[in-house]
C-alpha atoms as a PDB file:
ATOM      1  CA  MET A   1      -0.389  -0.668   9.389  1.00  0.00           C
ATOM      2  CA  THR A   2       2.357  -2.194   7.259  1.00  0.00           C
ATOM      3  CA  ILE A   3       2.353  -5.235   5.003  1.00  0.00           C
ATOM      4  CA  GLU A   4       5.569  -6.762   3.666  1.00  0.00           C
ATOM      5  CA  ILE A   5       5.435  -8.161   0.129  1.00  0.00           C
ATOM      6  CA  LYS A   6       8.135 -10.573  -1.000  1.00  0.00           C
ATOM      7  CA  PHE A   7       8.516 -11.184  -4.767  1.00  0.00           C
ATOM      8  CA  GLU A   8       8.578 -14.806  -5.994  1.00  0.00           C
ATOM      9  CA  LYS A   9      11.704 -13.978  -7.983  1.00  0.00           C
ATOM     10  CA  PRO A  10      13.996 -11.020  -7.276  1.00  0.00           C
ATOM     11  CA  PHE A  11      14.098  -8.345  -9.985  1.00  0.00           C
ATOM     12  CA  ALA A  12      17.386  -7.604 -11.787  1.00  0.00           C
ATOM     13  CA  LYS A  13      17.142  -4.019 -10.521  1.00  0.00           C
ATOM     14  CA  LYS A  14      14.956  -2.157  -8.051  1.00  0.00           C
ATOM     15  CA  PRO A  15      11.382  -2.028  -9.478  1.00  0.00           C
ATOM     16  CA  GLN A  16       8.891   0.796  -9.527  1.00  0.00           C
ATOM     17  CA  ILE A  17       5.805   0.038  -7.447  1.00  0.00           C
ATOM     18  CA  PHE A  18       2.310   1.155  -8.393  1.00  0.00           C
ATOM     19  CA  LEU A  19      -0.472   0.961  -5.799  1.00  0.00           C
ATOM     20  CA  SER A  20      -4.238   1.149  -6.302  1.00  0.00           C
ATOM     21  CA  VAL A  21      -6.965   1.398  -3.669  1.00  0.00           C
ATOM     22  CA  THR A  22     -10.102  -0.461  -4.832  1.00  0.00           C
ATOM     23  CA  GLN A  23     -12.311  -0.540  -1.696  1.00  0.00           C
ATOM     24  CA  ILE A  24     -12.635   1.352   1.563  1.00  0.00           C
ATOM     25  CA  ASP A  25     -15.047   0.706   4.415  1.00  0.00           C
ATOM     26  CA  SER A  26     -15.126   3.712   6.710  1.00  0.00           C
ATOM     27  CA  ASP A  27     -17.273   5.411   9.328  1.00  0.00           C
ATOM     28  CA  LYS A  28     -19.561   7.905   7.596  1.00  0.00           C
ATOM     29  CA  GLU A  29     -19.694  10.097  10.707  1.00  0.00           C
ATOM     30  CA  TYR A  30     -16.033  11.089  10.330  1.00  0.00           C
ATOM     31  CA  ASN A  31     -13.838  12.573   7.589  1.00  0.00           C
ATOM     32  CA  LEU A  32     -12.001  10.061   5.445  1.00  0.00           C
ATOM     33  CA  ARG A  33      -8.230  10.632   5.494  1.00  0.00           C
ATOM     34  CA  TYR A  34      -5.747   7.989   4.422  1.00  0.00           C
ATOM     35  CA  ASN A  35      -2.374   7.562   2.784  1.00  0.00           C
ATOM     36  CA  VAL A  36      -1.084   4.428   1.044  1.00  0.00           C
ATOM     37  CA  GLU A  37       2.572   4.233  -0.003  1.00  0.00           C
ATOM     38  CA  ALA A  38       5.282   1.798  -0.973  1.00  0.00           C
ATOM     39  CA  ILE A  39       8.351   1.991   1.240  1.00  0.00           C
ATOM     40  CA  SER A  40      11.609   0.028   1.654  1.00  0.00           C
ATOM     41  CA  ILE A  41      11.610  -1.036  -2.004  1.00  0.00           C
ATOM     42  CA  SER A  42      14.368  -3.491  -2.979  1.00  0.00           C
ATOM     43  CA  ARG A  43      14.940  -6.076  -5.692  1.00  0.00           C
ATOM     44  CA  ASP A  44      13.238  -8.810  -3.676  1.00  0.00           C
ATOM     45  CA  ARG A  45      10.585  -7.088  -1.521  1.00  0.00           C
ATOM     46  CA  PHE A  46       8.799  -3.921  -0.485  1.00  0.00           C
ATOM     47  CA  THR A  47       6.428  -2.755   2.258  1.00  0.00           C
ATOM     48  CA  ILE A  48       2.978  -1.196   1.874  1.00  0.00           C
ATOM     49  CA  LYS A  49       2.309   1.425   4.506  1.00  0.00           C
ATOM     50  CA  VAL A  50      -1.303   2.482   5.183  1.00  0.00           C
ATOM     51  CA  ARG A  51      -2.026   5.282   7.613  1.00  0.00           C
ATOM     52  CA  THR A  52      -4.874   7.512   8.751  1.00  0.00           C
ATOM     53  CA  TRP A  53      -4.879  10.605  10.911  1.00  0.00           C
ATOM     54  CA  ALA A  54      -7.128  12.845  13.024  1.00  0.00           C
ATOM     55  CA  ASP A  55     -10.521  11.276  13.662  1.00  0.00           C
ATOM     56  CA  SER A  56     -10.680   9.083  10.544  1.00  0.00           C
ATOM     57  CA  LYS A  57     -12.020   5.578  11.059  1.00  0.00           C
ATOM     58  CA  ILE A  58     -11.339   2.913   8.445  1.00  0.00           C
ATOM     59  CA  PHE A  59     -12.606  -0.586   9.036  1.00  0.00           C
ATOM     60  CA  SER A  60     -11.045  -2.160   5.931  1.00  0.00           C
ATOM     61  CA  ILE A  61      -9.121  -1.133   2.832  1.00  0.00           C
ATOM     62  CA  SER A  62      -8.307  -3.239  -0.252  1.00  0.00           C
ATOM     63  CA  GLY A  63      -6.193  -2.714  -3.323  1.00  0.00           C
ATOM     64  CA  TYR A  64      -3.721  -3.998  -5.836  1.00  0.00           C
ATOM     65  CA  TRP A  65      -0.022  -3.514  -6.478  1.00  0.00           C
ATOM     66  CA  LEU A  66       2.176  -3.831  -9.552  1.00  0.00           C
ATOM     67  CA  ALA A  67       5.961  -4.023  -9.616  1.00  0.00           C
ATOM     68  CA  THR A  68       7.831  -3.372 -12.864  1.00  0.00           C
ATOM     69  CA  THR A  69      11.250  -2.304 -14.135  1.00  0.00           C
ATOM     70  CA  GLN A  70      10.007  -1.083 -17.500  1.00  0.00           C
END
């Protein structure tokens, strides 16, 4: 799954992106495997990529992001 985030105002330079997972709803009968990463980062947008593998089953995942140049 990918989610594109567009900044309200473009940054002066490419920002650093920090991601935080705050909630996961998964199937307890299977191992929990997931990866969340920021990709395609530019001054005006980035994409959050969430993936699972093997037999993992995630019903929902929530989190926060922060973009900064400092």
